[in-house]
Protein backbone atom coordinates (compact mmCIF):
# COMPACT_ATOMS: atom_id res chain seq x y z
CA UNK A 1 150.53 306.60 84.52
CA UNK A 2 151.22 310.24 85.18
CA UNK A 3 151.38 312.48 82.14
CA UNK A 4 153.93 314.80 83.77
CA UNK A 5 157.06 312.65 83.48
CA UNK A 6 160.47 314.16 82.68
CA UNK A 7 161.91 313.30 79.28
CA UNK A 8 164.18 310.32 78.69
CA UNK A 9 167.93 310.80 78.96
CA UNK A 10 170.90 308.61 77.97
CA UNK A 11 170.23 305.26 76.23
CA UNK A 12 172.40 303.55 78.85
CA UNK A 13 171.90 304.86 82.34
CA UNK A 14 170.02 304.90 85.60
CA UNK A 15 166.26 304.67 85.81
CA UNK A 16 163.61 304.88 88.50
CA UNK A 17 160.39 302.90 88.62
CA UNK A 18 157.66 303.62 91.13
CA UNK A 19 154.29 301.97 91.38
CA UNK A 20 151.16 301.56 93.47
CA UNK A 21 148.56 298.81 93.18
CA UNK A 22 146.21 296.62 95.21
CA UNK A 23 148.32 294.49 97.54
CA UNK A 24 148.52 290.80 96.62
CA UNK A 25 151.14 288.04 96.40
CA UNK A 26 153.59 288.04 93.50
CA UNK A 27 154.11 291.77 92.93
CA UNK A 28 157.78 291.94 93.90
CA UNK A 29 158.53 288.72 92.02
CA UNK A 30 156.89 290.07 88.85
CA UNK A 31 158.69 293.42 89.02
CA UNK A 32 162.13 292.02 89.77
CA UNK A 33 161.66 289.30 87.17
CA UNK A 34 160.82 291.92 84.56
CA UNK A 35 163.90 293.92 85.55
CA UNK A 36 166.10 290.86 85.30
CA UNK A 37 164.81 290.05 81.83
CA UNK A 38 165.81 293.55 80.70
CA UNK A 39 169.29 293.51 82.17
CA UNK A 40 168.27 295.71 85.07
CA UNK A 41 170.45 295.82 88.17
CA UNK A 42 168.64 297.12 91.28
CA UNK A 43 170.63 299.78 93.14
CA UNK A 44 167.86 300.96 95.48
CA UNK A 45 164.55 299.40 96.46
CA UNK A 46 161.89 300.52 98.93
CA UNK A 47 158.38 299.21 99.46
CA UNK A 48 155.43 299.66 101.78
CA UNK A 49 152.25 297.68 102.17
CA UNK A 50 149.37 299.59 103.71
CA UNK A 51 147.41 296.87 105.48
CA UNK A 52 144.47 299.16 106.24
CA UNK A 53 144.03 300.38 102.67
CA UNK A 54 145.15 297.12 101.04
CA UNK A 55 147.58 299.00 98.77
CA UNK A 56 151.20 298.29 97.89
CA UNK A 57 153.77 301.02 97.15
CA UNK A 58 157.20 300.50 95.63
CA UNK A 59 160.12 302.55 94.32
CA UNK A 60 163.11 300.95 92.58
CA UNK A 61 166.26 302.58 91.25
CA UNK A 62 168.04 300.44 88.67
CA UNK A 63 170.72 300.51 86.01
CA UNK A 64 170.46 298.94 82.55
CA UNK A 65 173.35 296.93 81.13
CA UNK A 66 171.84 296.92 77.63
CA UNK A 67 170.56 299.77 75.41
CA UNK A 68 167.29 301.11 76.78
CA UNK A 69 165.27 304.30 76.99
CA UNK A 70 162.69 305.35 79.53
CA UNK A 71 160.03 305.44 76.81
CA UNK A 72 160.85 301.92 75.67
CA UNK A 73 161.00 300.48 79.19
CA UNK A 74 157.79 302.23 80.10
CA UNK A 75 155.96 300.72 77.13
CA UNK A 76 157.34 297.27 77.84
CA UNK A 77 156.41 297.36 81.54
CA UNK A 78 152.80 298.20 80.71
CA UNK A 79 151.81 294.53 80.43
CA UNK A 80 153.11 293.79 83.93
CA UNK A 81 151.34 296.86 85.26
CA UNK A 82 148.07 295.87 83.66
CA UNK A 83 148.13 292.38 85.15
CA UNK A 84 148.42 293.80 88.68
CA UNK A 85 146.29 296.93 88.22
CA UNK A 86 149.32 299.18 88.77
CA UNK A 87 149.67 302.90 88.40
CA UNK A 88 153.33 303.55 87.66
CA UNK A 89 155.98 306.00 86.52
CA UNK A 90 159.34 305.15 84.97
CA UNK A 91 161.92 307.71 83.96
CA UNK A 92 165.59 308.46 83.55
CA UNK A 93 166.74 309.21 87.09
CA UNK A 94 168.85 312.18 85.96
CA UNK A 95 166.00 313.96 84.17
CA UNK A 96 165.10 317.21 85.97
CA UNK A 97 161.55 318.14 86.89
CA UNK A 98 160.48 321.40 85.25
CA UNK A 99 159.43 323.47 88.23
CA UNK A 100 157.36 326.65 88.18
CA UNK A 101 157.80 328.64 91.40
CA UNK A 102 155.15 331.04 92.70
CA UNK A 103 155.83 333.69 95.34
CA UNK A 104 154.39 336.87 96.81
CA UNK A 105 156.45 339.26 98.98
CA UNK A 106 158.29 336.88 101.34
CA UNK A 107 161.32 335.78 99.32
CA UNK A 108 163.27 333.48 101.67
CA UNK A 109 161.92 330.20 100.26
CA UNK A 110 162.30 331.42 96.68
CA UNK A 111 165.87 332.55 97.33
CA UNK A 112 166.74 329.18 98.86
CA UNK A 113 165.26 327.20 95.95
CA UNK A 114 166.96 329.38 93.33
CA UNK A 115 170.34 328.94 95.01
CA UNK A 116 169.94 325.17 95.44
CA UNK A 117 168.84 324.78 91.82
CA UNK A 118 171.76 326.90 90.58
CA UNK A 119 174.22 324.66 92.47
CA UNK A 120 172.60 321.43 91.22
CA UNK A 121 171.56 320.35 94.70
CA UNK A 122 167.96 319.99 93.52
CA UNK A 123 166.94 317.89 90.52
CA UNK A 124 164.81 320.65 89.07
CA UNK A 125 164.82 323.02 86.10
CA UNK A 126 163.08 326.36 86.64
CA UNK A 127 161.58 327.77 83.42
CA UNK A 128 159.96 330.74 85.20
CA UNK A 129 158.84 332.35 88.44
CA UNK A 130 155.34 333.81 88.85
CA UNK A 131 154.32 336.42 91.41
CA UNK A 132 151.32 338.57 92.17
CA UNK A 133 153.77 341.34 93.21
CA UNK A 134 156.86 342.77 91.47
CA UNK A 135 159.12 342.42 94.54
CA UNK A 136 160.88 339.22 93.41
CA UNK A 137 161.73 340.32 89.88
CA UNK A 138 165.29 341.56 90.56
CA UNK A 139 166.18 338.39 92.45
CA UNK A 140 164.74 336.11 89.78
CA UNK A 141 166.40 337.91 86.88
CA UNK A 142 169.76 337.84 88.71
CA UNK A 143 169.64 334.07 88.13
CA UNK A 144 168.86 334.60 84.44
CA UNK A 145 165.29 333.32 84.80
CA UNK A 146 162.01 334.59 83.37
CA UNK A 147 159.73 336.49 85.75
CA UNK A 148 155.98 336.81 85.23
CA UNK A 149 154.05 339.40 87.21
CA UNK A 150 150.42 338.29 87.34
CA UNK A 151 148.48 340.65 89.65
CA UNK A 152 145.52 339.13 91.49
CA UNK A 153 142.43 340.96 92.70
CA UNK A 154 138.98 339.56 93.50
CA UNK A 155 137.84 340.82 90.11
CA UNK A 156 140.80 339.40 88.13
CA UNK A 157 141.39 336.13 90.03
CA UNK A 158 139.81 333.90 87.38
CA UNK A 159 141.76 335.58 84.56
CA UNK A 160 145.00 335.39 86.56
CA UNK A 161 144.60 331.67 87.22
CA UNK A 162 143.81 331.05 83.56
CA UNK A 163 147.08 332.81 82.68
CA UNK A 164 148.92 330.72 85.29
CA UNK A 165 147.58 327.43 83.93
CA UNK A 166 148.43 328.60 80.43
CA UNK A 167 152.06 329.00 81.52
CA UNK A 168 152.01 325.54 83.12
CA UNK A 169 150.99 324.04 79.77
CA UNK A 170 153.17 326.27 77.61
CA UNK A 171 156.32 325.64 79.67
CA UNK A 172 155.64 321.89 80.09
CA UNK A 173 155.74 322.22 83.86
CA UNK A 174 155.89 319.05 85.97
CA UNK A 175 155.45 320.61 89.41
CA UNK A 176 154.31 323.98 90.77
CA UNK A 177 155.85 325.18 94.03
CA UNK A 178 154.08 327.80 96.13
CA UNK A 179 157.09 329.32 97.89
CA UNK A 180 155.07 331.58 100.19
CA UNK A 181 152.53 332.52 97.53
CA UNK A 182 149.89 334.28 99.56
CA UNK A 183 146.87 333.70 97.36
CA UNK A 184 144.29 330.95 97.73
CA UNK A 185 143.95 328.95 94.52
CA UNK A 186 140.46 328.11 93.31
CA UNK A 187 139.09 324.59 93.63
CA UNK A 188 139.25 324.18 89.85
CA UNK A 189 142.94 325.14 89.72
CA UNK A 190 143.69 322.85 92.68
CA UNK A 191 142.05 319.96 90.84
CA UNK A 192 144.00 320.73 87.66
CA UNK A 193 147.28 320.70 89.61
CA UNK A 194 146.35 317.78 91.87
CA UNK A 195 149.42 315.87 93.00
CA UNK A 196 151.83 318.31 91.37
CA UNK A 197 151.56 321.51 93.40
CA UNK A 198 153.45 321.89 96.69
CA UNK A 199 152.79 324.54 99.34
CA UNK A 200 154.71 325.61 102.45
CA UNK A 201 153.33 327.25 105.57
CA UNK A 202 154.17 327.70 109.23
CA UNK A 203 152.99 324.99 111.58
CA UNK A 204 151.15 327.32 113.96
CA UNK A 205 147.88 326.48 112.25
CA UNK A 206 145.14 326.35 113.40
CA UNK A 207 146.08 328.20 116.61
CA UNK A 208 147.53 331.36 115.06
CA UNK A 209 145.73 332.19 111.84
CA UNK A 210 145.81 335.32 109.76
CA UNK A 211 148.37 338.10 109.81
CA UNK A 212 151.64 338.07 111.79
CA UNK A 213 151.42 334.48 113.10
CA UNK A 214 154.95 334.60 114.54
CA UNK A 215 154.08 337.68 116.57
CA UNK A 216 150.94 335.96 117.82
CA UNK A 217 153.06 332.95 118.77
CA UNK A 218 155.56 335.20 120.60
CA UNK A 219 152.74 336.69 122.65
CA UNK A 220 151.75 333.17 123.71
CA UNK A 221 155.31 332.14 124.57
CA UNK A 222 155.64 329.23 122.15
CA UNK A 223 158.72 327.02 122.44
CA UNK A 224 158.68 325.40 119.00
CA UNK A 225 158.68 327.02 115.56
CA UNK A 226 157.78 324.71 112.71
CA UNK A 227 156.81 324.39 109.06
CA UNK A 228 154.74 322.01 106.91
CA UNK A 229 155.09 321.23 103.20
CA UNK A 230 152.06 319.61 101.61
CA UNK A 231 150.30 319.06 98.33
CA UNK A 232 147.75 321.70 97.40
CA UNK A 233 144.07 320.81 97.56
CA UNK A 234 140.82 322.75 97.66
CA UNK A 235 140.88 322.46 101.47
CA UNK A 236 143.11 325.34 102.53
CA UNK A 237 146.38 324.15 104.12
CA UNK A 238 144.97 320.65 104.62
CA UNK A 239 146.50 318.74 101.70
CA UNK A 240 148.54 315.51 102.08
CA UNK A 241 151.66 316.30 104.11
CA UNK A 242 155.07 315.66 102.56
CA UNK A 243 157.44 316.97 105.24
CA UNK A 244 157.45 318.79 108.57
CA UNK A 245 160.12 320.04 110.95
CA UNK A 246 160.48 322.17 114.07
CA UNK A 247 163.10 324.43 115.64
CA UNK A 248 163.26 325.08 119.37
CA UNK A 249 163.09 328.64 120.73
CA UNK A 250 162.94 329.92 124.30
CA UNK A 251 162.04 332.87 126.53
CA UNK A 252 165.03 334.86 125.28
CA UNK A 253 163.85 334.73 121.67
CA UNK A 254 162.44 338.01 120.40
CA UNK A 255 159.69 338.40 117.83
CA UNK A 256 162.35 338.92 115.16
CA UNK A 257 164.15 335.77 116.34
CA UNK A 258 160.95 333.77 115.86
CA UNK A 259 160.44 335.20 112.39
CA UNK A 260 164.05 334.37 111.43
CA UNK A 261 163.77 330.85 112.83
CA UNK A 262 160.51 330.37 110.95
CA UNK A 263 162.08 331.47 107.68
CA UNK A 264 164.94 329.00 108.13
CA UNK A 265 162.74 326.02 108.88
CA UNK A 266 160.27 326.90 106.10
CA UNK A 267 163.07 327.03 103.52
CA UNK A 268 164.58 323.73 104.67
CA UNK A 269 161.27 321.86 104.79
CA UNK A 270 160.20 323.12 101.36
CA UNK A 271 163.55 322.20 99.82
CA UNK A 272 163.29 318.65 101.14
CA UNK A 273 159.73 318.30 99.84
CA UNK A 274 160.74 319.55 96.39
CA UNK A 275 163.78 317.26 96.32
CA UNK A 276 161.78 314.17 97.25
CA UNK A 277 158.98 314.98 94.81
CA UNK A 278 161.42 315.56 91.94
CA UNK A 279 163.04 312.20 92.70
CA UNK A 280 159.57 310.58 92.70
CA UNK A 281 159.96 309.55 96.34
CA UNK A 282 156.52 310.85 97.34
CA UNK A 283 153.38 308.86 96.60
CA UNK A 284 149.83 309.83 97.44
CA UNK A 285 147.93 307.47 99.71
CA UNK A 286 144.49 308.97 100.09
CA UNK A 287 144.80 311.99 102.38
CA UNK A 288 148.30 310.90 103.39
CA UNK A 289 151.62 310.31 101.63
CA UNK A 290 154.20 307.56 101.44
CA UNK A 291 157.68 309.12 101.37
CA UNK A 292 160.60 306.89 100.38
CA UNK A 293 163.48 309.02 101.65
């Protein structure tokens, strides 16, 4: 089981169970039988069997018609999980994920996430925003949120990451979102945040690397502008992909048009990735993901 599970909510309410285990007969029967014995009524169910990997993935949303808590249900389900070698999470479906956002100087993704969170369109709670530049402070504080400026230089990188991970622990953070944070995290930090750090970048990689990728793309006359949201790993921009999208442009699009289109698609793709992760709809499957939309 993951240790980064949101707290339990109302004694009577909606819950979500997700699990992964070696594929074999009887899994669905065991899970639904357990739910039935606890007065659980299934309101949503999705499953996927990966024939190549021999693994079974499942996500069930259910309601309880008798007093129950996520902690109690989780403890009771453990015997079923053990018999099938399951890794699982079970939580109150209304519990928000505590989300630490990191950003540098490009603020479009941050602005989008802050607005969506403030209007309850994302199931997240933002305890703080971290940046290696002071540019985002006014925006963050306008939402009444804490802002932490942690400068990063080659000489201070290790100290800065130690401070970052200290905040993750101190603030009980469930997921870290790199909303155009333009620093490469160390392998050690990537391992510490494995499966709970999401990054966004343009989808011009590997063709247009480095500075001003949209201007490079304009010079080559590209017709599609895209973005990729993925989990962070030690391999730069190569983690398991959660979501991707593209936007069509044409010969009349200027360099500024491409940049604007890129900002829009980046913000939308990142928001979807954060939403699905916070609803526990994304499950790691080796270097890939299973996404129960």
